[in-house]
N, C-alpha and C. Protein backbone atom coordinates (compact mmCIF):
# COMPACT_ATOMS: atom_id res chain seq x y z
N MET A 1 18.69 -29.99 -27.81
CA MET A 1 18.83 -29.34 -26.50
C MET A 1 17.46 -28.97 -25.93
N PHE A 2 16.58 -28.40 -26.77
CA PHE A 2 15.24 -28.01 -26.33
C PHE A 2 14.19 -28.75 -27.16
N THR A 3 13.05 -28.99 -26.53
CA THR A 3 11.93 -29.65 -27.20
C THR A 3 10.76 -28.71 -27.40
N TYR A 4 10.65 -27.71 -26.53
CA TYR A 4 9.55 -26.76 -26.57
C TYR A 4 10.08 -25.37 -26.93
N PHE A 5 9.59 -24.85 -28.04
CA PHE A 5 10.03 -23.55 -28.54
C PHE A 5 8.85 -22.59 -28.51
N ILE A 6 8.97 -21.55 -27.68
CA ILE A 6 7.92 -20.54 -27.55
C ILE A 6 8.43 -19.23 -28.12
N PHE A 7 7.56 -18.53 -28.84
CA PHE A 7 7.96 -17.32 -29.54
C PHE A 7 7.05 -16.15 -29.20
N ASP A 8 7.65 -14.96 -29.19
CA ASP A 8 6.89 -13.72 -29.29
C ASP A 8 6.44 -13.62 -30.76
N VAL A 9 5.48 -12.74 -31.05
CA VAL A 9 5.02 -12.57 -32.43
C VAL A 9 5.62 -11.32 -33.07
N ASP A 10 5.24 -10.15 -32.55
CA ASP A 10 5.64 -8.89 -33.17
C ASP A 10 7.12 -8.59 -32.93
N GLY A 11 7.86 -8.42 -34.02
CA GLY A 11 9.29 -8.17 -33.90
C GLY A 11 10.12 -9.43 -33.80
N THR A 12 9.45 -10.58 -33.77
CA THR A 12 10.15 -11.87 -33.70
C THR A 12 9.77 -12.76 -34.87
N ILE A 13 8.48 -13.00 -35.05
CA ILE A 13 8.01 -13.77 -36.20
C ILE A 13 7.57 -12.84 -37.33
N VAL A 14 6.88 -11.76 -36.96
CA VAL A 14 6.38 -10.81 -37.95
C VAL A 14 7.07 -9.46 -37.80
N ASP A 15 7.43 -8.86 -38.92
CA ASP A 15 8.12 -7.57 -38.91
C ASP A 15 7.08 -6.45 -38.82
N THR A 16 6.64 -6.16 -37.59
CA THR A 16 5.51 -5.25 -37.38
C THR A 16 5.90 -3.94 -36.70
N GLU A 17 7.16 -3.75 -36.38
CA GLU A 17 7.54 -2.57 -35.59
C GLU A 17 7.06 -1.27 -36.22
N ASP A 18 7.34 -1.07 -37.49
CA ASP A 18 6.98 0.19 -38.12
C ASP A 18 5.46 0.40 -38.13
N ALA A 19 4.71 -0.67 -38.40
CA ALA A 19 3.25 -0.56 -38.46
C ALA A 19 2.67 -0.20 -37.10
N ILE A 20 3.16 -0.82 -36.04
CA ILE A 20 2.64 -0.55 -34.70
C ILE A 20 2.93 0.88 -34.28
N LEU A 21 4.15 1.32 -34.52
CA LEU A 21 4.53 2.67 -34.09
C LEU A 21 3.88 3.73 -34.96
N GLU A 22 3.71 3.45 -36.24
CA GLU A 22 3.00 4.40 -37.12
C GLU A 22 1.55 4.55 -36.68
N ALA A 23 0.93 3.44 -36.30
CA ALA A 23 -0.46 3.49 -35.82
C ALA A 23 -0.57 4.27 -34.52
N LEU A 24 0.35 4.03 -33.60
CA LEU A 24 0.33 4.75 -32.33
C LEU A 24 0.58 6.24 -32.54
N HIS A 25 1.54 6.58 -33.37
CA HIS A 25 1.87 7.97 -33.64
C HIS A 25 0.68 8.69 -34.28
N THR A 26 0.00 8.02 -35.20
CA THR A 26 -1.16 8.62 -35.86
C THR A 26 -2.29 8.85 -34.87
N ALA A 27 -2.52 7.88 -33.99
CA ALA A 27 -3.58 8.01 -32.99
C ALA A 27 -3.27 9.15 -32.01
N LEU A 28 -2.00 9.29 -31.65
CA LEU A 28 -1.61 10.38 -30.76
C LEU A 28 -1.84 11.74 -31.42
N CYS A 29 -1.48 11.83 -32.69
CA CYS A 29 -1.69 13.10 -33.41
C CYS A 29 -3.17 13.43 -33.49
N ASP A 30 -4.02 12.42 -33.67
CA ASP A 30 -5.47 12.64 -33.68
C ASP A 30 -5.92 13.22 -32.35
N GLU A 31 -5.23 12.84 -31.28
CA GLU A 31 -5.58 13.28 -29.93
C GLU A 31 -5.03 14.67 -29.64
N GLY A 32 -4.20 15.19 -30.57
CA GLY A 32 -3.56 16.48 -30.35
C GLY A 32 -2.27 16.39 -29.58
N ILE A 33 -1.76 15.15 -29.40
CA ILE A 33 -0.49 14.93 -28.71
C ILE A 33 0.59 14.80 -29.79
N THR A 34 1.31 15.88 -30.01
CA THR A 34 2.21 15.95 -31.16
C THR A 34 3.69 16.07 -30.79
N GLN A 35 4.01 15.97 -29.50
CA GLN A 35 5.41 16.18 -29.11
C GLN A 35 6.28 14.94 -29.32
N TYR A 36 5.67 13.82 -29.72
CA TYR A 36 6.43 12.59 -29.90
C TYR A 36 6.72 12.34 -31.37
N GLU A 37 7.97 11.98 -31.65
CA GLU A 37 8.31 11.42 -32.95
C GLU A 37 8.05 9.91 -32.89
N LYS A 38 7.90 9.30 -34.03
CA LYS A 38 7.67 7.85 -34.05
C LYS A 38 8.81 7.11 -33.36
N SER A 39 10.02 7.63 -33.51
CA SER A 39 11.20 7.00 -32.91
C SER A 39 11.20 7.07 -31.39
N ASP A 40 10.35 7.93 -30.81
CA ASP A 40 10.27 8.06 -29.35
C ASP A 40 9.37 7.01 -28.72
N LEU A 41 8.66 6.25 -29.52
CA LEU A 41 7.58 5.41 -29.02
C LEU A 41 7.94 3.93 -28.92
N GLY A 42 9.21 3.61 -29.04
CA GLY A 42 9.63 2.21 -29.02
C GLY A 42 9.30 1.48 -27.74
N PHE A 43 9.12 2.20 -26.65
CA PHE A 43 8.79 1.55 -25.38
C PHE A 43 7.46 0.79 -25.46
N ALA A 44 6.62 1.14 -26.45
CA ALA A 44 5.31 0.51 -26.58
C ALA A 44 5.39 -0.89 -27.17
N LEU A 45 6.51 -1.25 -27.74
CA LEU A 45 6.65 -2.56 -28.38
C LEU A 45 6.79 -3.65 -27.32
N GLY A 46 5.95 -4.65 -27.40
CA GLY A 46 6.08 -5.79 -26.51
C GLY A 46 5.21 -5.76 -25.27
N ILE A 47 4.44 -4.69 -25.07
CA ILE A 47 3.54 -4.63 -23.92
C ILE A 47 2.13 -4.36 -24.41
N PRO A 48 1.11 -4.70 -23.61
CA PRO A 48 -0.27 -4.48 -24.04
C PRO A 48 -0.59 -3.00 -24.22
N SER A 49 -1.56 -2.72 -25.09
CA SER A 49 -1.95 -1.33 -25.34
C SER A 49 -2.49 -0.67 -24.08
N THR A 50 -3.11 -1.44 -23.19
CA THR A 50 -3.63 -0.87 -21.95
C THR A 50 -2.52 -0.36 -21.05
N THR A 51 -1.34 -0.95 -21.15
CA THR A 51 -0.18 -0.48 -20.38
C THR A 51 0.41 0.76 -21.04
N THR A 52 0.50 0.74 -22.35
CA THR A 52 1.07 1.87 -23.09
C THR A 52 0.26 3.15 -22.89
N VAL A 53 -1.05 3.03 -22.93
CA VAL A 53 -1.91 4.22 -22.89
C VAL A 53 -1.79 4.97 -21.57
N GLU A 54 -1.33 4.27 -20.52
CA GLU A 54 -1.14 4.93 -19.22
C GLU A 54 -0.07 6.02 -19.29
N LYS A 55 0.78 5.97 -20.31
CA LYS A 55 1.86 6.94 -20.46
C LYS A 55 1.38 8.29 -21.01
N PHE A 56 0.15 8.32 -21.52
CA PHE A 56 -0.31 9.51 -22.22
C PHE A 56 -1.57 10.09 -21.56
N ASN A 57 -1.70 11.39 -21.67
CA ASN A 57 -2.86 12.08 -21.14
C ASN A 57 -3.92 12.18 -22.24
N VAL A 58 -4.69 11.11 -22.39
CA VAL A 58 -5.71 11.07 -23.43
C VAL A 58 -7.09 11.26 -22.79
N LYS A 59 -8.04 11.72 -23.59
CA LYS A 59 -9.37 12.02 -23.07
C LYS A 59 -10.10 10.76 -22.62
N SER A 60 -10.06 9.73 -23.44
CA SER A 60 -10.70 8.45 -23.12
C SER A 60 -9.75 7.33 -23.50
N LYS A 61 -9.28 6.58 -22.52
CA LYS A 61 -8.34 5.50 -22.79
C LYS A 61 -8.96 4.44 -23.70
N ARG A 62 -10.21 4.11 -23.45
CA ARG A 62 -10.87 3.08 -24.26
C ARG A 62 -10.99 3.52 -25.72
N GLU A 63 -11.42 4.74 -25.94
CA GLU A 63 -11.58 5.24 -27.31
C GLU A 63 -10.22 5.38 -28.00
N PHE A 64 -9.21 5.80 -27.25
CA PHE A 64 -7.87 5.93 -27.84
C PHE A 64 -7.35 4.57 -28.30
N ILE A 65 -7.50 3.56 -27.44
CA ILE A 65 -7.03 2.21 -27.79
C ILE A 65 -7.77 1.68 -29.01
N GLU A 66 -9.08 1.93 -29.09
CA GLU A 66 -9.85 1.50 -30.26
C GLU A 66 -9.33 2.16 -31.54
N ARG A 67 -9.03 3.47 -31.44
CA ARG A 67 -8.52 4.20 -32.60
C ARG A 67 -7.15 3.65 -33.01
N TRP A 68 -6.29 3.44 -32.02
CA TRP A 68 -4.95 2.89 -32.27
C TRP A 68 -5.07 1.52 -32.93
N GLU A 69 -5.92 0.66 -32.41
CA GLU A 69 -6.08 -0.69 -32.96
C GLU A 69 -6.64 -0.67 -34.37
N ASN A 70 -7.53 0.28 -34.65
CA ASN A 70 -8.06 0.39 -36.01
C ASN A 70 -6.98 0.80 -37.00
N TYR A 71 -6.11 1.72 -36.58
CA TYR A 71 -4.98 2.10 -37.43
C TYR A 71 -4.03 0.90 -37.62
N GLU A 72 -3.83 0.14 -36.55
CA GLU A 72 -2.95 -1.03 -36.64
C GLU A 72 -3.47 -2.02 -37.68
N LYS A 73 -4.77 -2.28 -37.65
CA LYS A 73 -5.35 -3.22 -38.61
C LYS A 73 -5.04 -2.80 -40.04
N LYS A 74 -5.09 -1.50 -40.28
CA LYS A 74 -4.80 -0.97 -41.61
C LYS A 74 -3.33 -1.14 -41.97
N PHE A 75 -2.44 -0.74 -41.05
CA PHE A 75 -1.00 -0.75 -41.36
C PHE A 75 -0.42 -2.16 -41.34
N LEU A 76 -0.97 -3.05 -40.50
CA LEU A 76 -0.42 -4.40 -40.37
C LEU A 76 -0.66 -5.26 -41.61
N GLN A 77 -1.55 -4.83 -42.47
CA GLN A 77 -1.83 -5.61 -43.68
C GLN A 77 -0.60 -5.78 -44.55
N ASP A 78 0.35 -4.89 -44.42
CA ASP A 78 1.56 -4.95 -45.24
C ASP A 78 2.77 -5.50 -44.47
N SER A 79 2.57 -5.92 -43.22
CA SER A 79 3.70 -6.40 -42.42
C SER A 79 4.01 -7.85 -42.78
N PRO A 80 5.25 -8.15 -43.18
CA PRO A 80 5.59 -9.51 -43.61
C PRO A 80 6.17 -10.35 -42.47
N LEU A 81 6.18 -11.65 -42.66
CA LEU A 81 6.98 -12.51 -41.81
C LEU A 81 8.45 -12.18 -42.04
N PHE A 82 9.26 -12.30 -41.00
CA PHE A 82 10.70 -12.14 -41.20
C PHE A 82 11.19 -13.27 -42.11
N PRO A 83 12.10 -12.96 -43.03
CA PRO A 83 12.60 -13.98 -43.97
C PRO A 83 13.14 -15.20 -43.24
N GLY A 84 12.68 -16.37 -43.65
CA GLY A 84 13.17 -17.63 -43.08
C GLY A 84 12.40 -18.09 -41.86
N MET A 85 11.51 -17.25 -41.32
CA MET A 85 10.86 -17.59 -40.06
C MET A 85 9.88 -18.75 -40.21
N LYS A 86 9.07 -18.73 -41.26
CA LYS A 86 8.11 -19.82 -41.43
C LYS A 86 8.82 -21.14 -41.68
N GLU A 87 9.91 -21.10 -42.42
CA GLU A 87 10.67 -22.32 -42.68
C GLU A 87 11.26 -22.89 -41.38
N VAL A 88 11.68 -22.01 -40.48
CA VAL A 88 12.20 -22.46 -39.18
C VAL A 88 11.10 -23.15 -38.38
N LEU A 89 9.91 -22.55 -38.34
CA LEU A 89 8.80 -23.16 -37.61
C LEU A 89 8.45 -24.52 -38.20
N GLU A 90 8.44 -24.60 -39.53
CA GLU A 90 8.11 -25.87 -40.19
C GLU A 90 9.17 -26.93 -39.90
N THR A 91 10.43 -26.54 -39.87
CA THR A 91 11.50 -27.49 -39.59
C THR A 91 11.42 -28.00 -38.16
N LEU A 92 11.19 -27.11 -37.22
CA LEU A 92 11.04 -27.52 -35.81
C LEU A 92 9.87 -28.50 -35.67
N LYS A 93 8.78 -28.21 -36.35
CA LYS A 93 7.60 -29.07 -36.28
C LYS A 93 7.93 -30.46 -36.82
N LYS A 94 8.66 -30.52 -37.92
CA LYS A 94 9.03 -31.80 -38.51
C LYS A 94 9.94 -32.59 -37.60
N GLN A 95 10.67 -31.89 -36.73
CA GLN A 95 11.57 -32.56 -35.79
C GLN A 95 10.86 -32.91 -34.48
N ASN A 96 9.53 -32.87 -34.52
CA ASN A 96 8.69 -33.26 -33.38
C ASN A 96 8.82 -32.34 -32.17
N CYS A 97 9.23 -31.10 -32.42
CA CYS A 97 9.22 -30.10 -31.35
C CYS A 97 7.79 -29.54 -31.23
N LYS A 98 7.46 -29.07 -30.04
CA LYS A 98 6.17 -28.41 -29.84
C LYS A 98 6.38 -26.91 -29.80
N LEU A 99 5.49 -26.17 -30.49
CA LEU A 99 5.67 -24.74 -30.67
C LEU A 99 4.57 -23.97 -29.96
N GLY A 100 4.97 -22.90 -29.28
CA GLY A 100 4.03 -22.06 -28.59
C GLY A 100 4.25 -20.59 -28.89
N VAL A 101 3.28 -19.78 -28.54
CA VAL A 101 3.35 -18.34 -28.71
C VAL A 101 2.89 -17.67 -27.42
N VAL A 102 3.66 -16.68 -26.96
CA VAL A 102 3.24 -15.80 -25.87
C VAL A 102 3.35 -14.39 -26.43
N THR A 103 2.22 -13.70 -26.56
CA THR A 103 2.19 -12.43 -27.25
C THR A 103 1.39 -11.38 -26.48
N SER A 104 1.72 -10.13 -26.72
CA SER A 104 0.96 -9.02 -26.14
C SER A 104 -0.22 -8.62 -27.03
N ARG A 105 -0.42 -9.34 -28.12
CA ARG A 105 -1.60 -9.11 -28.94
C ARG A 105 -2.85 -9.65 -28.22
N LYS A 106 -4.00 -9.05 -28.54
CA LYS A 106 -5.26 -9.61 -28.09
C LYS A 106 -5.61 -10.82 -28.94
N ARG A 107 -6.44 -11.70 -28.37
CA ARG A 107 -6.75 -12.97 -29.03
C ARG A 107 -7.34 -12.77 -30.43
N GLN A 108 -8.26 -11.84 -30.59
CA GLN A 108 -8.90 -11.64 -31.87
C GLN A 108 -7.89 -11.23 -32.95
N GLY A 109 -7.02 -10.28 -32.61
CA GLY A 109 -6.01 -9.85 -33.56
C GLY A 109 -5.00 -10.93 -33.87
N TYR A 110 -4.65 -11.71 -32.85
CA TYR A 110 -3.70 -12.81 -33.04
C TYR A 110 -4.26 -13.82 -34.04
N GLU A 111 -5.52 -14.20 -33.87
CA GLU A 111 -6.12 -15.21 -34.74
C GLU A 111 -6.26 -14.70 -36.17
N LYS A 112 -6.79 -13.48 -36.32
CA LYS A 112 -7.10 -12.97 -37.66
C LYS A 112 -5.87 -12.46 -38.40
N ASP A 113 -5.05 -11.63 -37.72
CA ASP A 113 -3.95 -10.94 -38.41
C ASP A 113 -2.65 -11.74 -38.41
N PHE A 114 -2.61 -12.84 -37.66
CA PHE A 114 -1.39 -13.64 -37.62
C PHE A 114 -1.65 -15.07 -38.09
N ILE A 115 -2.40 -15.82 -37.33
CA ILE A 115 -2.62 -17.23 -37.64
C ILE A 115 -3.32 -17.41 -38.99
N GLU A 116 -4.45 -16.73 -39.18
CA GLU A 116 -5.20 -16.92 -40.43
C GLU A 116 -4.49 -16.29 -41.62
N ARG A 117 -3.92 -15.11 -41.42
CA ARG A 117 -3.29 -14.41 -42.54
C ARG A 117 -2.09 -15.17 -43.09
N PHE A 118 -1.29 -15.76 -42.18
CA PHE A 118 -0.07 -16.45 -42.62
C PHE A 118 -0.23 -17.97 -42.67
N HIS A 119 -1.44 -18.47 -42.41
CA HIS A 119 -1.73 -19.90 -42.51
C HIS A 119 -0.80 -20.73 -41.62
N LEU A 120 -0.82 -20.41 -40.33
CA LEU A 120 0.08 -21.08 -39.38
C LEU A 120 -0.68 -22.01 -38.43
N GLN A 121 -1.93 -22.31 -38.74
CA GLN A 121 -2.75 -23.12 -37.85
C GLN A 121 -2.11 -24.46 -37.53
N HIS A 122 -1.43 -25.05 -38.50
CA HIS A 122 -0.88 -26.38 -38.34
C HIS A 122 0.45 -26.40 -37.60
N LEU A 123 0.99 -25.21 -37.30
CA LEU A 123 2.32 -25.16 -36.70
C LEU A 123 2.31 -24.86 -35.20
N ILE A 124 1.38 -24.02 -34.75
CA ILE A 124 1.40 -23.57 -33.36
C ILE A 124 0.54 -24.48 -32.50
N ASN A 125 1.15 -25.10 -31.50
CA ASN A 125 0.44 -26.02 -30.61
C ASN A 125 -0.34 -25.31 -29.51
N ALA A 126 0.17 -24.17 -29.05
CA ALA A 126 -0.50 -23.44 -27.96
C ALA A 126 -0.12 -21.97 -28.04
N ALA A 127 -1.08 -21.10 -27.71
CA ALA A 127 -0.82 -19.66 -27.73
C ALA A 127 -1.51 -19.01 -26.55
N VAL A 128 -0.83 -18.02 -25.97
CA VAL A 128 -1.40 -17.23 -24.88
C VAL A 128 -1.29 -15.76 -25.26
N CYS A 129 -2.44 -15.08 -25.30
CA CYS A 129 -2.50 -13.67 -25.65
C CYS A 129 -2.69 -12.83 -24.39
N CYS A 130 -2.58 -11.52 -24.54
CA CYS A 130 -2.60 -10.67 -23.35
C CYS A 130 -3.95 -10.72 -22.65
N ASP A 131 -5.03 -10.96 -23.39
CA ASP A 131 -6.34 -11.00 -22.75
C ASP A 131 -6.72 -12.40 -22.26
N ASP A 132 -5.77 -13.33 -22.30
CA ASP A 132 -5.98 -14.67 -21.74
C ASP A 132 -5.57 -14.74 -20.27
N VAL A 133 -4.87 -13.72 -19.80
CA VAL A 133 -4.33 -13.75 -18.44
C VAL A 133 -4.63 -12.44 -17.72
N LYS A 134 -4.56 -12.46 -16.41
CA LYS A 134 -4.75 -11.25 -15.63
C LYS A 134 -3.54 -10.35 -15.71
N ASN A 135 -2.35 -10.95 -15.72
CA ASN A 135 -1.09 -10.19 -15.72
C ASN A 135 -0.26 -10.60 -16.94
N PRO A 136 -0.34 -9.85 -18.04
CA PRO A 136 0.44 -10.18 -19.24
C PRO A 136 1.91 -9.80 -19.08
N LYS A 137 2.69 -10.01 -20.14
CA LYS A 137 4.11 -9.64 -20.10
C LYS A 137 4.28 -8.21 -19.61
N PRO A 138 5.31 -7.97 -18.79
CA PRO A 138 6.47 -8.81 -18.47
C PRO A 138 6.26 -9.84 -17.37
N SER A 139 5.07 -9.92 -16.79
CA SER A 139 4.79 -10.98 -15.81
C SER A 139 4.99 -12.35 -16.46
N PRO A 140 5.43 -13.34 -15.72
CA PRO A 140 5.60 -14.69 -16.27
C PRO A 140 4.30 -15.49 -16.35
N GLU A 141 3.17 -14.89 -15.95
CA GLU A 141 1.91 -15.63 -15.90
C GLU A 141 1.55 -16.25 -17.24
N SER A 142 1.69 -15.48 -18.32
CA SER A 142 1.34 -15.99 -19.65
C SER A 142 2.27 -17.12 -20.08
N MET A 143 3.54 -17.04 -19.67
CA MET A 143 4.49 -18.10 -20.01
C MET A 143 4.16 -19.38 -19.26
N HIS A 144 3.83 -19.25 -18.00
CA HIS A 144 3.43 -20.43 -17.23
C HIS A 144 2.22 -21.11 -17.87
N LEU A 145 1.25 -20.31 -18.31
CA LEU A 145 0.05 -20.88 -18.92
C LEU A 145 0.37 -21.57 -20.23
N CYS A 146 1.21 -20.95 -21.06
CA CYS A 146 1.59 -21.56 -22.33
C CYS A 146 2.32 -22.88 -22.11
N MET A 147 3.22 -22.90 -21.15
CA MET A 147 3.97 -24.13 -20.85
C MET A 147 3.04 -25.21 -20.32
N GLU A 148 2.05 -24.81 -19.55
CA GLU A 148 1.07 -25.78 -19.05
C GLU A 148 0.30 -26.39 -20.22
N LYS A 149 -0.09 -25.56 -21.18
CA LYS A 149 -0.82 -26.06 -22.35
C LYS A 149 0.04 -27.01 -23.18
N LEU A 150 1.34 -26.72 -23.26
CA LEU A 150 2.25 -27.55 -24.05
C LEU A 150 2.70 -28.80 -23.30
N GLY A 151 2.54 -28.79 -21.98
CA GLY A 151 3.11 -29.87 -21.16
C GLY A 151 4.61 -29.77 -21.06
N ALA A 152 5.11 -28.54 -21.06
CA ALA A 152 6.56 -28.29 -21.13
C ALA A 152 7.19 -28.15 -19.75
N SER A 153 8.40 -28.63 -19.64
CA SER A 153 9.19 -28.42 -18.43
C SER A 153 10.17 -27.27 -18.67
N PRO A 154 10.55 -26.52 -17.63
CA PRO A 154 11.47 -25.40 -17.82
C PRO A 154 12.79 -25.78 -18.47
N ALA A 155 13.32 -26.94 -18.12
CA ALA A 155 14.63 -27.35 -18.65
C ALA A 155 14.59 -27.61 -20.15
N GLU A 156 13.41 -27.90 -20.69
CA GLU A 156 13.29 -28.24 -22.11
C GLU A 156 12.74 -27.10 -22.95
N THR A 157 12.58 -25.91 -22.34
CA THR A 157 11.86 -24.83 -23.00
C THR A 157 12.73 -23.61 -23.22
N ILE A 158 12.58 -22.99 -24.38
CA ILE A 158 13.27 -21.74 -24.68
C ILE A 158 12.27 -20.76 -25.30
N TYR A 159 12.40 -19.50 -24.91
CA TYR A 159 11.53 -18.44 -25.42
C TYR A 159 12.36 -17.49 -26.26
N THR A 160 11.92 -17.21 -27.47
CA THR A 160 12.61 -16.28 -28.36
C THR A 160 11.77 -15.02 -28.51
N GLY A 161 12.40 -13.86 -28.24
CA GLY A 161 11.69 -12.59 -28.34
C GLY A 161 12.65 -11.47 -28.63
N ASP A 162 12.10 -10.25 -28.77
CA ASP A 162 12.93 -9.13 -29.19
C ASP A 162 12.91 -7.96 -28.22
N SER A 163 12.17 -8.07 -27.10
CA SER A 163 12.06 -6.93 -26.19
C SER A 163 12.49 -7.29 -24.78
N ILE A 164 12.75 -6.26 -24.00
CA ILE A 164 13.13 -6.45 -22.60
C ILE A 164 11.99 -7.12 -21.84
N TYR A 165 10.74 -6.86 -22.26
CA TYR A 165 9.59 -7.47 -21.61
C TYR A 165 9.55 -8.98 -21.87
N ASP A 166 9.97 -9.38 -23.06
CA ASP A 166 10.05 -10.81 -23.38
C ASP A 166 11.06 -11.49 -22.47
N MET A 167 12.23 -10.87 -22.31
CA MET A 167 13.27 -11.44 -21.47
C MET A 167 12.82 -11.53 -20.02
N GLN A 168 12.16 -10.49 -19.51
CA GLN A 168 11.69 -10.50 -18.14
C GLN A 168 10.64 -11.59 -17.93
N CYS A 169 9.80 -11.79 -18.92
CA CYS A 169 8.78 -12.82 -18.86
C CYS A 169 9.42 -14.21 -18.75
N ALA A 170 10.43 -14.46 -19.59
CA ALA A 170 11.12 -15.75 -19.56
C ALA A 170 11.87 -15.97 -18.26
N LYS A 171 12.57 -14.93 -17.81
CA LYS A 171 13.38 -15.05 -16.60
C LYS A 171 12.53 -15.23 -15.35
N GLY A 172 11.27 -14.78 -15.43
CA GLY A 172 10.38 -14.93 -14.29
C GLY A 172 9.94 -16.35 -14.04
N VAL A 173 10.13 -17.24 -15.02
CA VAL A 173 9.66 -18.63 -14.85
C VAL A 173 10.53 -19.45 -13.90
N PRO A 174 11.86 -19.62 -14.12
CA PRO A 174 12.68 -19.15 -15.24
C PRO A 174 12.88 -20.22 -16.31
N ILE A 175 13.01 -19.72 -17.57
CA ILE A 175 13.43 -20.55 -18.69
C ILE A 175 14.48 -19.78 -19.47
N LYS A 176 15.12 -20.46 -20.42
CA LYS A 176 16.14 -19.81 -21.24
C LYS A 176 15.49 -18.81 -22.20
N PHE A 177 16.22 -17.73 -22.46
CA PHE A 177 15.73 -16.69 -23.36
C PHE A 177 16.72 -16.46 -24.48
N ALA A 178 16.22 -16.44 -25.72
CA ALA A 178 17.03 -16.11 -26.89
C ALA A 178 16.57 -14.78 -27.45
N LEU A 179 17.50 -13.85 -27.60
CA LEU A 179 17.19 -12.54 -28.16
C LEU A 179 17.20 -12.61 -29.68
N ALA A 180 16.06 -12.25 -30.29
CA ALA A 180 15.96 -12.20 -31.75
C ALA A 180 16.54 -10.88 -32.23
N LEU A 181 17.79 -10.91 -32.62
CA LEU A 181 18.49 -9.67 -32.96
C LEU A 181 17.91 -9.02 -34.21
N TRP A 182 17.26 -9.80 -35.07
CA TRP A 182 16.66 -9.21 -36.27
C TRP A 182 15.49 -8.29 -35.91
N GLY A 183 14.91 -8.49 -34.74
CA GLY A 183 13.84 -7.61 -34.30
C GLY A 183 14.32 -6.55 -33.33
N ALA A 184 15.20 -6.96 -32.41
CA ALA A 184 15.71 -6.02 -31.40
C ALA A 184 16.69 -5.02 -31.99
N LYS A 185 17.47 -5.46 -32.97
CA LYS A 185 18.45 -4.64 -33.70
C LYS A 185 19.68 -4.28 -32.88
N THR A 186 19.65 -4.47 -31.58
CA THR A 186 20.81 -4.23 -30.72
C THR A 186 20.71 -5.12 -29.50
N ALA A 187 21.86 -5.53 -28.98
CA ALA A 187 21.88 -6.37 -27.78
C ALA A 187 22.03 -5.54 -26.51
N ASP A 188 22.05 -4.22 -26.65
CA ASP A 188 22.13 -3.34 -25.48
C ASP A 188 20.96 -3.63 -24.54
N ALA A 189 21.24 -3.66 -23.26
CA ALA A 189 20.24 -3.91 -22.20
C ALA A 189 19.80 -5.37 -22.13
N PHE A 190 20.46 -6.25 -22.91
CA PHE A 190 20.08 -7.66 -22.88
C PHE A 190 21.23 -8.54 -22.36
N SER A 191 21.94 -8.04 -21.39
CA SER A 191 23.08 -8.79 -20.85
C SER A 191 22.64 -10.09 -20.18
N ASP A 192 21.37 -10.18 -19.78
CA ASP A 192 20.86 -11.39 -19.14
C ASP A 192 20.31 -12.40 -20.13
N ALA A 193 20.35 -12.08 -21.42
CA ALA A 193 19.88 -13.05 -22.42
C ALA A 193 20.81 -14.26 -22.43
N ASP A 194 20.23 -15.45 -22.53
CA ASP A 194 21.05 -16.67 -22.56
C ASP A 194 21.69 -16.87 -23.92
N TYR A 195 20.99 -16.46 -24.96
CA TYR A 195 21.48 -16.59 -26.32
C TYR A 195 21.12 -15.35 -27.12
N ILE A 196 21.94 -15.03 -28.10
CA ILE A 196 21.63 -13.97 -29.06
C ILE A 196 21.67 -14.59 -30.44
N VAL A 197 20.54 -14.56 -31.13
CA VAL A 197 20.47 -15.18 -32.45
C VAL A 197 20.33 -14.09 -33.50
N GLU A 198 21.20 -14.13 -34.49
CA GLU A 198 21.27 -13.06 -35.48
C GLU A 198 20.28 -13.23 -36.62
N LYS A 199 19.88 -14.46 -36.89
CA LYS A 199 18.90 -14.73 -37.95
C LYS A 199 18.05 -15.92 -37.54
N PRO A 200 16.82 -16.01 -38.04
CA PRO A 200 15.91 -17.07 -37.60
C PRO A 200 16.50 -18.48 -37.70
N GLU A 201 17.28 -18.74 -38.73
CA GLU A 201 17.83 -20.08 -38.92
C GLU A 201 18.72 -20.51 -37.75
N ASP A 202 19.28 -19.54 -37.00
CA ASP A 202 20.13 -19.88 -35.87
C ASP A 202 19.37 -20.62 -34.77
N ILE A 203 18.05 -20.46 -34.74
CA ILE A 203 17.24 -21.13 -33.73
C ILE A 203 17.35 -22.65 -33.87
N LEU A 204 17.59 -23.12 -35.07
CA LEU A 204 17.68 -24.55 -35.30
C LEU A 204 18.89 -25.18 -34.62
N ASN A 205 19.86 -24.36 -34.22
CA ASN A 205 21.01 -24.87 -33.48
C ASN A 205 20.63 -25.38 -32.10
N PHE A 206 19.43 -24.98 -31.63
CA PHE A 206 18.99 -25.39 -30.30
C PHE A 206 18.25 -26.71 -30.30
């Protein structure tokens, strides 16, 4: 059905939710902002740190983001791939599908903490990070760029992600969107999703 498979990274390929929120919560506490529980910070998942920091009254946005990112580097070292995810990517590749990534990670973190750490260089044909575009997710700009790099047409392309921002990004093109339920954990607020996949292996049905 589809030839071009584009994926979000955090919460879709890598189980990073706890690490990202723990890093943000720790950075906020360093700033003296203690009214948030880690469970209150889920809105930060799937959008760039520069967008998230606008929600808080911090002394220096640049310094806060640096502190948050340093904590992330520490906590992300223990974040695993979701079970079965690498095998799905390898199977799609063997079936001559082209694979892309559209992520809210910065390019440096994407290359070091994702591609190099999990040895995925041979699988991903094109990737667009938040600092590759002027308007990252939920804008469709990054998706358009990734599809251009892949040579993909909308009718042949599907994007798999776990956040409302992922869905908005896909719908802005528009292309089909599959909700990764293993990352989202609930289908609430995803009534516009074209597909809901309960485990990574379900992607192979496409």
